[in-house]
Amino acid sequence: MEVALRKVHDSDLPVFYRQMNDPESLRMAAFTPEDPADRNAFDAQWKRIRATSVVRTVLADGDVVGSAAVYGEPGEREVTYWVDRAYWGRGIATAALRALLAEVRERPLYARAAADNEASLRVLHKCGFRESARASGFANARGEEIAEVVLKLQHEA
C-alpha cells in the first residue's frame, strides 16, 4: 500500500468529519472535541487548523484515509494524526507520521496519547518519540479523567 501526504483540500473535510465521528475511534483517541457531531464547531476548528498548522491529508493508494498535523507554538509544537478505523493495523499511521516528520524538521516535537492507546504509542515509538512525562486529563470521548503519556522527539529519528 502506498501512503502519501498532500495539502488538505476542501473536499477532504466531509471525510474527516465522518472519520472523527466513529465511536470506536473516538474512544481510542479519548481527547476529542466535546461534541464531535457539532459540524459548525468542526468547520471552525478546521479553518483554524488549516491557517495555523502544518496539516496534511493522508492518502493510502490514493484514497483519503486520515490526516496528520504539527501545531502549536515553536518549542512546544505537537504532532497529531487520525486514520480511519477501516485502515488500522496496516502501518499507515506510522508511514504518515514519518512522512510528516521528514517534512517538518524542527525539534523538539511532542505528542500525547491516552496511556491505554497501545497502538498510538507504538506508532510514536517507531517514529522516535520517547516518553517524557505522565499526566492526566479529562477525555471528552470517555467522559472521565484518564492517564495520558507525553512523548518527545528530540532529534530526527
N, C-alpha and C. Protein backbone atom coordinates (compact mmCIF):
# COMPACT_ATOMS: atom_id res chain seq x y z
N MET A 1 0.85 -1.18 0.00
CA MET A 1 0.00 0.00 0.00
C MET A 1 0.89 1.24 0.00
N GLU A 2 0.61 2.16 -0.91
CA GLU A 2 1.38 3.40 -0.98
C GLU A 2 0.71 4.47 -0.11
N VAL A 3 1.48 4.99 0.84
CA VAL A 3 1.00 6.04 1.74
C VAL A 3 1.67 7.34 1.34
N ALA A 4 0.87 8.39 1.19
CA ALA A 4 1.39 9.70 0.81
C ALA A 4 0.64 10.78 1.57
N LEU A 5 1.27 11.95 1.66
CA LEU A 5 0.64 13.13 2.25
C LEU A 5 0.47 14.18 1.17
N ARG A 6 -0.57 14.98 1.31
CA ARG A 6 -0.76 16.15 0.46
C ARG A 6 -1.49 17.21 1.27
N LYS A 7 -1.50 18.43 0.73
CA LYS A 7 -2.23 19.50 1.40
C LYS A 7 -3.71 19.14 1.46
N VAL A 8 -4.37 19.64 2.47
CA VAL A 8 -5.80 19.36 2.67
C VAL A 8 -6.61 20.12 1.63
N HIS A 9 -7.53 19.43 1.00
CA HIS A 9 -8.49 20.04 0.08
C HIS A 9 -9.82 20.19 0.80
N ASP A 10 -10.62 21.16 0.40
CA ASP A 10 -11.95 21.33 0.99
C ASP A 10 -12.77 20.04 0.91
N SER A 11 -12.59 19.28 -0.16
CA SER A 11 -13.35 18.04 -0.34
C SER A 11 -12.95 16.95 0.65
N ASP A 12 -11.83 17.13 1.38
CA ASP A 12 -11.41 16.16 2.40
C ASP A 12 -12.21 16.31 3.69
N LEU A 13 -12.72 17.51 3.93
CA LEU A 13 -13.35 17.79 5.23
C LEU A 13 -14.55 16.91 5.54
N PRO A 14 -15.46 16.63 4.60
CA PRO A 14 -16.56 15.71 4.93
C PRO A 14 -16.06 14.31 5.29
N VAL A 15 -14.96 13.89 4.68
CA VAL A 15 -14.38 12.58 5.01
C VAL A 15 -13.83 12.62 6.43
N PHE A 16 -13.09 13.68 6.78
CA PHE A 16 -12.55 13.82 8.13
C PHE A 16 -13.68 13.85 9.16
N TYR A 17 -14.74 14.57 8.85
CA TYR A 17 -15.87 14.68 9.77
C TYR A 17 -16.47 13.29 10.04
N ARG A 18 -16.66 12.53 8.99
CA ARG A 18 -17.19 11.16 9.16
C ARG A 18 -16.24 10.31 10.00
N GLN A 19 -14.95 10.37 9.67
CA GLN A 19 -13.95 9.58 10.39
C GLN A 19 -13.91 9.95 11.87
N MET A 20 -14.03 11.22 12.16
CA MET A 20 -13.91 11.69 13.54
C MET A 20 -15.21 11.57 14.32
N ASN A 21 -16.18 10.89 13.75
CA ASN A 21 -17.42 10.60 14.47
C ASN A 21 -17.66 9.11 14.63
N ASP A 22 -16.64 8.32 14.37
CA ASP A 22 -16.72 6.88 14.59
C ASP A 22 -16.55 6.61 16.09
N PRO A 23 -17.54 5.99 16.74
CA PRO A 23 -17.48 5.81 18.20
C PRO A 23 -16.23 5.08 18.70
N GLU A 24 -15.81 4.03 18.03
CA GLU A 24 -14.63 3.29 18.48
C GLU A 24 -13.36 4.13 18.33
N SER A 25 -13.26 4.88 17.24
CA SER A 25 -12.11 5.75 17.04
C SER A 25 -12.07 6.85 18.09
N LEU A 26 -13.22 7.42 18.39
CA LEU A 26 -13.29 8.46 19.42
C LEU A 26 -12.83 7.92 20.77
N ARG A 27 -13.31 6.74 21.13
CA ARG A 27 -12.92 6.17 22.41
C ARG A 27 -11.41 5.95 22.48
N MET A 28 -10.84 5.44 21.40
CA MET A 28 -9.41 5.19 21.37
C MET A 28 -8.63 6.50 21.49
N ALA A 29 -9.02 7.51 20.72
CA ALA A 29 -8.33 8.80 20.75
C ALA A 29 -8.51 9.48 22.11
N ALA A 30 -9.68 9.35 22.68
CA ALA A 30 -10.02 9.84 24.03
C ALA A 30 -10.12 11.36 24.12
N PHE A 31 -9.06 12.07 23.77
CA PHE A 31 -9.02 13.53 23.91
C PHE A 31 -9.53 14.15 22.61
N THR A 32 -10.82 14.35 22.58
CA THR A 32 -11.53 14.78 21.37
C THR A 32 -12.34 16.04 21.68
N PRO A 33 -12.92 16.66 20.65
CA PRO A 33 -13.82 17.79 20.94
C PRO A 33 -14.98 17.35 21.84
N GLU A 34 -15.50 18.29 22.56
CA GLU A 34 -16.61 17.99 23.48
C GLU A 34 -17.79 17.35 22.75
N ASP A 35 -18.14 17.89 21.59
CA ASP A 35 -19.24 17.34 20.79
C ASP A 35 -18.76 17.16 19.36
N PRO A 36 -18.18 15.99 19.03
CA PRO A 36 -17.65 15.78 17.68
C PRO A 36 -18.70 15.90 16.59
N ALA A 37 -19.98 15.75 16.93
CA ALA A 37 -21.05 15.82 15.93
C ALA A 37 -21.45 17.26 15.60
N ASP A 38 -20.91 18.24 16.33
CA ASP A 38 -21.21 19.65 16.07
C ASP A 38 -20.46 20.10 14.82
N ARG A 39 -21.15 20.10 13.69
CA ARG A 39 -20.49 20.40 12.42
C ARG A 39 -19.95 21.82 12.37
N ASN A 40 -20.66 22.78 12.97
CA ASN A 40 -20.16 24.16 12.97
C ASN A 40 -18.84 24.27 13.73
N ALA A 41 -18.75 23.60 14.87
CA ALA A 41 -17.50 23.60 15.64
C ALA A 41 -16.39 22.90 14.86
N PHE A 42 -16.73 21.79 14.20
CA PHE A 42 -15.76 21.07 13.37
C PHE A 42 -15.21 21.99 12.29
N ASP A 43 -16.11 22.66 11.57
CA ASP A 43 -15.68 23.55 10.48
C ASP A 43 -14.81 24.69 11.00
N ALA A 44 -15.18 25.27 12.14
CA ALA A 44 -14.39 26.36 12.73
C ALA A 44 -13.01 25.86 13.15
N GLN A 45 -12.97 24.67 13.75
CA GLN A 45 -11.70 24.09 14.17
C GLN A 45 -10.79 23.85 12.95
N TRP A 46 -11.35 23.28 11.90
CA TRP A 46 -10.53 23.00 10.72
C TRP A 46 -10.09 24.28 10.00
N LYS A 47 -10.88 25.31 10.04
CA LYS A 47 -10.47 26.59 9.47
C LYS A 47 -9.25 27.11 10.22
N ARG A 48 -9.31 27.02 11.55
CA ARG A 48 -8.20 27.47 12.40
C ARG A 48 -6.96 26.58 12.18
N ILE A 49 -7.16 25.26 12.15
CA ILE A 49 -6.04 24.33 11.97
C ILE A 49 -5.34 24.61 10.64
N ARG A 50 -6.12 24.78 9.58
CA ARG A 50 -5.53 24.99 8.26
C ARG A 50 -4.77 26.31 8.18
N ALA A 51 -5.15 27.29 8.98
CA ALA A 51 -4.50 28.60 8.95
C ALA A 51 -3.25 28.66 9.82
N THR A 52 -3.15 27.79 10.84
CA THR A 52 -2.08 27.93 11.83
C THR A 52 -1.17 26.73 11.97
N SER A 53 -1.41 25.66 11.24
CA SER A 53 -0.67 24.42 11.43
C SER A 53 -0.15 23.89 10.10
N VAL A 54 0.79 22.97 10.20
CA VAL A 54 1.18 22.17 9.04
C VAL A 54 0.26 20.96 9.09
N VAL A 55 -0.71 20.92 8.20
CA VAL A 55 -1.70 19.84 8.23
C VAL A 55 -1.75 19.20 6.85
N ARG A 56 -1.81 17.88 6.85
CA ARG A 56 -1.80 17.12 5.61
C ARG A 56 -2.90 16.07 5.61
N THR A 57 -3.37 15.78 4.42
CA THR A 57 -4.29 14.67 4.21
C THR A 57 -3.44 13.42 4.01
N VAL A 58 -3.84 12.33 4.65
CA VAL A 58 -3.16 11.06 4.48
C VAL A 58 -3.90 10.27 3.41
N LEU A 59 -3.14 9.82 2.41
CA LEU A 59 -3.69 9.01 1.32
C LEU A 59 -3.09 7.62 1.38
N ALA A 60 -3.91 6.61 1.14
CA ALA A 60 -3.45 5.23 1.01
C ALA A 60 -3.94 4.74 -0.34
N ASP A 61 -3.00 4.45 -1.22
CA ASP A 61 -3.35 4.08 -2.60
C ASP A 61 -4.31 5.08 -3.22
N GLY A 62 -4.12 6.37 -2.90
CA GLY A 62 -4.91 7.44 -3.48
C GLY A 62 -6.20 7.76 -2.76
N ASP A 63 -6.60 6.94 -1.79
CA ASP A 63 -7.83 7.19 -1.03
C ASP A 63 -7.54 8.03 0.21
N VAL A 64 -8.43 8.97 0.53
CA VAL A 64 -8.30 9.77 1.74
C VAL A 64 -8.62 8.88 2.94
N VAL A 65 -7.60 8.67 3.79
CA VAL A 65 -7.80 7.78 4.94
C VAL A 65 -7.53 8.47 6.28
N GLY A 66 -7.16 9.76 6.25
CA GLY A 66 -6.92 10.43 7.52
C GLY A 66 -6.20 11.74 7.35
N SER A 67 -5.67 12.22 8.47
CA SER A 67 -4.95 13.49 8.49
C SER A 67 -3.78 13.39 9.46
N ALA A 68 -2.82 14.29 9.27
CA ALA A 68 -1.66 14.38 10.16
C ALA A 68 -1.26 15.84 10.22
N ALA A 69 -0.84 16.29 11.41
CA ALA A 69 -0.54 17.72 11.56
C ALA A 69 0.52 17.95 12.63
N VAL A 70 1.15 19.11 12.51
CA VAL A 70 2.02 19.67 13.55
C VAL A 70 1.43 21.03 13.88
N TYR A 71 1.22 21.28 15.16
CA TYR A 71 0.58 22.53 15.58
C TYR A 71 1.20 23.03 16.87
N GLY A 72 0.93 24.28 17.19
CA GLY A 72 1.37 24.85 18.45
C GLY A 72 2.49 25.86 18.29
N GLU A 73 2.93 26.36 19.41
CA GLU A 73 3.98 27.38 19.45
C GLU A 73 5.35 26.75 19.26
N PRO A 74 6.28 27.46 18.62
CA PRO A 74 7.65 26.95 18.48
C PRO A 74 8.22 26.53 19.84
N GLY A 75 8.90 25.41 19.83
CA GLY A 75 9.47 24.86 21.07
C GLY A 75 8.49 24.00 21.84
N GLU A 76 7.20 24.10 21.51
CA GLU A 76 6.16 23.31 22.18
C GLU A 76 5.25 22.61 21.18
N ARG A 77 5.67 22.55 19.92
CA ARG A 77 4.79 22.02 18.87
C ARG A 77 4.55 20.53 19.06
N GLU A 78 3.32 20.14 18.72
CA GLU A 78 2.89 18.75 18.88
C GLU A 78 2.47 18.17 17.55
N VAL A 79 2.56 16.85 17.47
CA VAL A 79 2.03 16.14 16.31
C VAL A 79 0.70 15.51 16.69
N THR A 80 -0.13 15.35 15.69
CA THR A 80 -1.39 14.64 15.85
C THR A 80 -1.69 13.94 14.54
N TYR A 81 -2.43 12.87 14.61
CA TYR A 81 -2.81 12.15 13.40
C TYR A 81 -4.10 11.40 13.66
N TRP A 82 -4.79 11.09 12.58
CA TRP A 82 -6.04 10.34 12.65
C TRP A 82 -6.13 9.47 11.41
N VAL A 83 -6.36 8.20 11.59
CA VAL A 83 -6.51 7.27 10.47
C VAL A 83 -7.85 6.57 10.62
N ASP A 84 -8.59 6.51 9.53
CA ASP A 84 -9.88 5.83 9.51
C ASP A 84 -9.74 4.42 10.08
N ARG A 85 -10.64 4.04 10.95
CA ARG A 85 -10.57 2.74 11.62
C ARG A 85 -10.50 1.57 10.63
N ALA A 86 -11.11 1.71 9.46
CA ALA A 86 -11.07 0.64 8.46
C ALA A 86 -9.65 0.36 7.98
N TYR A 87 -8.72 1.29 8.26
CA TYR A 87 -7.33 1.15 7.80
C TYR A 87 -6.35 0.89 8.95
N TRP A 88 -6.84 0.71 10.15
CA TRP A 88 -5.95 0.44 11.29
C TRP A 88 -5.18 -0.86 11.07
N GLY A 89 -3.99 -0.90 11.66
CA GLY A 89 -3.20 -2.13 11.66
C GLY A 89 -2.44 -2.39 10.37
N ARG A 90 -2.36 -1.42 9.49
CA ARG A 90 -1.69 -1.62 8.20
C ARG A 90 -0.41 -0.78 8.05
N GLY A 91 0.01 -0.12 9.13
CA GLY A 91 1.22 0.68 9.08
C GLY A 91 1.03 2.07 8.49
N ILE A 92 -0.21 2.46 8.23
CA ILE A 92 -0.48 3.75 7.59
C ILE A 92 -0.13 4.91 8.52
N ALA A 93 -0.52 4.83 9.78
CA ALA A 93 -0.21 5.93 10.71
C ALA A 93 1.29 6.12 10.85
N THR A 94 2.04 5.03 10.95
CA THR A 94 3.49 5.12 11.07
C THR A 94 4.09 5.75 9.82
N ALA A 95 3.68 5.30 8.65
CA ALA A 95 4.21 5.85 7.39
C ALA A 95 3.84 7.33 7.26
N ALA A 96 2.62 7.68 7.60
CA ALA A 96 2.19 9.07 7.50
C ALA A 96 2.96 9.96 8.47
N LEU A 97 3.13 9.51 9.71
CA LEU A 97 3.86 10.31 10.68
C LEU A 97 5.32 10.46 10.27
N ARG A 98 5.92 9.40 9.76
CA ARG A 98 7.32 9.51 9.29
C ARG A 98 7.42 10.53 8.16
N ALA A 99 6.47 10.52 7.24
CA ALA A 99 6.48 11.49 6.14
C ALA A 99 6.32 12.92 6.67
N LEU A 100 5.45 13.10 7.63
CA LEU A 100 5.25 14.43 8.22
C LEU A 100 6.51 14.89 8.93
N LEU A 101 7.16 14.00 9.66
CA LEU A 101 8.38 14.35 10.39
C LEU A 101 9.53 14.68 9.43
N ALA A 102 9.54 14.07 8.25
CA ALA A 102 10.55 14.39 7.24
C ALA A 102 10.30 15.79 6.66
N GLU A 103 9.04 16.18 6.61
CA GLU A 103 8.68 17.50 6.09
C GLU A 103 8.92 18.60 7.12
N VAL A 104 8.55 18.34 8.36
CA VAL A 104 8.70 19.31 9.45
C VAL A 104 9.94 18.90 10.25
N ARG A 105 11.04 19.60 10.01
CA ARG A 105 12.33 19.19 10.56
C ARG A 105 12.61 19.76 11.95
N GLU A 106 11.84 20.72 12.41
CA GLU A 106 12.14 21.33 13.71
C GLU A 106 12.00 20.30 14.83
N ARG A 107 12.82 20.48 15.83
CA ARG A 107 12.79 19.65 17.02
C ARG A 107 13.05 20.56 18.21
N PRO A 108 12.55 20.28 19.38
CA PRO A 108 11.78 19.07 19.68
C PRO A 108 10.34 19.18 19.19
N LEU A 109 9.72 18.02 19.06
CA LEU A 109 8.28 17.91 18.83
C LEU A 109 7.72 17.02 19.92
N TYR A 110 6.47 17.24 20.25
CA TYR A 110 5.81 16.49 21.31
C TYR A 110 4.59 15.75 20.76
N ALA A 111 4.13 14.80 21.53
CA ALA A 111 2.90 14.08 21.22
C ALA A 111 2.27 13.66 22.53
N ARG A 112 0.98 13.43 22.49
CA ARG A 112 0.24 12.97 23.67
C ARG A 112 -0.67 11.83 23.23
N ALA A 113 -0.82 10.86 24.10
CA ALA A 113 -1.73 9.74 23.80
C ALA A 113 -2.30 9.22 25.10
N ALA A 114 -3.51 8.73 25.02
CA ALA A 114 -4.09 8.05 26.18
C ALA A 114 -3.15 6.91 26.55
N ALA A 115 -2.91 6.73 27.84
CA ALA A 115 -1.95 5.72 28.29
C ALA A 115 -2.35 4.31 27.87
N ASP A 116 -3.63 4.08 27.63
CA ASP A 116 -4.06 2.74 27.22
C ASP A 116 -4.21 2.60 25.69
N ASN A 117 -3.80 3.62 24.95
CA ASN A 117 -3.85 3.57 23.49
C ASN A 117 -2.53 2.99 22.98
N GLU A 118 -2.40 1.67 23.13
CA GLU A 118 -1.15 0.99 22.80
C GLU A 118 -0.77 1.15 21.33
N ALA A 119 -1.75 1.16 20.45
CA ALA A 119 -1.45 1.28 19.02
C ALA A 119 -0.81 2.63 18.72
N SER A 120 -1.36 3.70 19.25
CA SER A 120 -0.80 5.03 19.00
C SER A 120 0.57 5.17 19.65
N LEU A 121 0.73 4.65 20.84
CA LEU A 121 2.04 4.70 21.50
C LEU A 121 3.08 3.93 20.68
N ARG A 122 2.69 2.81 20.10
CA ARG A 122 3.59 2.03 19.26
C ARG A 122 4.02 2.84 18.02
N VAL A 123 3.07 3.51 17.38
CA VAL A 123 3.38 4.36 16.23
C VAL A 123 4.39 5.43 16.62
N LEU A 124 4.13 6.12 17.73
CA LEU A 124 5.02 7.20 18.17
C LEU A 124 6.41 6.67 18.50
N HIS A 125 6.50 5.53 19.16
CA HIS A 125 7.82 4.96 19.47
C HIS A 125 8.56 4.58 18.20
N LYS A 126 7.87 4.00 17.23
CA LYS A 126 8.51 3.64 15.95
C LYS A 126 9.07 4.85 15.24
N CYS A 127 8.46 6.01 15.47
CA CYS A 127 8.90 7.24 14.82
C CYS A 127 9.92 8.02 15.65
N GLY A 128 10.37 7.44 16.75
CA GLY A 128 11.45 8.04 17.53
C GLY A 128 11.03 8.82 18.75
N PHE A 129 9.74 8.93 19.02
CA PHE A 129 9.28 9.63 20.22
C PHE A 129 9.57 8.78 21.45
N ARG A 130 9.92 9.45 22.54
CA ARG A 130 10.18 8.77 23.80
C ARG A 130 9.36 9.43 24.91
N GLU A 131 8.91 8.61 25.84
CA GLU A 131 8.10 9.14 26.94
C GLU A 131 8.90 10.16 27.72
N SER A 132 8.26 11.31 27.98
CA SER A 132 8.92 12.34 28.76
C SER A 132 8.15 12.68 30.03
N ALA A 133 6.88 12.30 30.09
CA ALA A 133 6.09 12.60 31.29
C ALA A 133 4.79 11.80 31.25
N ARG A 134 4.16 11.76 32.40
CA ARG A 134 2.82 11.20 32.53
C ARG A 134 1.94 12.31 33.08
N ALA A 135 0.70 12.31 32.67
CA ALA A 135 -0.24 13.32 33.14
C ALA A 135 -1.62 12.69 33.16
N SER A 136 -2.58 13.49 33.51
CA SER A 136 -3.96 13.05 33.39
C SER A 136 -4.77 14.23 32.88
N GLY A 137 -5.86 13.90 32.21
CA GLY A 137 -6.69 14.95 31.67
C GLY A 137 -8.09 14.41 31.42
N PHE A 138 -9.02 15.33 31.27
CA PHE A 138 -10.39 14.92 31.01
C PHE A 138 -10.52 14.51 29.56
N ALA A 139 -10.96 13.29 29.34
CA ALA A 139 -11.15 12.74 28.00
C ALA A 139 -12.62 12.86 27.62
N ASN A 140 -12.94 13.81 26.75
CA ASN A 140 -14.33 14.02 26.36
C ASN A 140 -14.98 12.75 25.83
N ALA A 141 -14.25 11.98 25.04
CA ALA A 141 -14.82 10.78 24.42
C ALA A 141 -15.16 9.70 25.44
N ARG A 142 -14.55 9.78 26.62
CA ARG A 142 -14.81 8.77 27.65
C ARG A 142 -15.58 9.34 28.84
N GLY A 143 -15.70 10.65 28.89
CA GLY A 143 -16.46 11.28 29.95
C GLY A 143 -15.81 11.18 31.32
N GLU A 144 -14.49 11.05 31.34
CA GLU A 144 -13.79 10.92 32.63
C GLU A 144 -12.33 11.32 32.48
N GLU A 145 -11.69 11.54 33.61
CA GLU A 145 -10.27 11.82 33.66
C GLU A 145 -9.52 10.52 33.44
N ILE A 146 -8.51 10.56 32.55
CA ILE A 146 -7.73 9.35 32.29
C ILE A 146 -6.24 9.70 32.27
N ALA A 147 -5.42 8.67 32.35
CA ALA A 147 -3.97 8.84 32.28
C ALA A 147 -3.55 9.07 30.83
N GLU A 148 -2.55 9.94 30.67
CA GLU A 148 -2.03 10.20 29.34
C GLU A 148 -0.51 10.19 29.39
N VAL A 149 0.09 9.84 28.27
CA VAL A 149 1.54 9.81 28.14
C VAL A 149 1.94 11.00 27.26
N VAL A 150 2.94 11.73 27.72
CA VAL A 150 3.52 12.83 26.94
C VAL A 150 4.84 12.29 26.38
N LEU A 151 5.02 12.45 25.08
CA LEU A 151 6.23 11.96 24.43
C LEU A 151 6.95 13.10 23.74
N LYS A 152 8.26 12.91 23.53
CA LYS A 152 9.08 13.95 22.94
C LYS A 152 9.99 13.34 21.88
N LEU A 153 10.10 14.03 20.76
CA LEU A 153 11.06 13.68 19.73
C LEU A 153 12.12 14.76 19.75
N GLN A 154 13.29 14.40 20.24
CA GLN A 154 14.36 15.38 20.42
C GLN A 154 15.16 15.59 19.14
N HIS A 155 15.46 14.50 18.45
CA HIS A 155 16.28 14.56 17.24
C HIS A 155 15.57 13.78 16.15
N GLU A 156 16.02 13.97 14.93
CA GLU A 156 15.44 13.20 13.83
C GLU A 156 15.62 11.71 14.08
N ALA A 157 14.56 10.97 13.80
CA ALA A 157 14.60 9.51 14.03
C ALA A 157 15.37 8.83 12.92
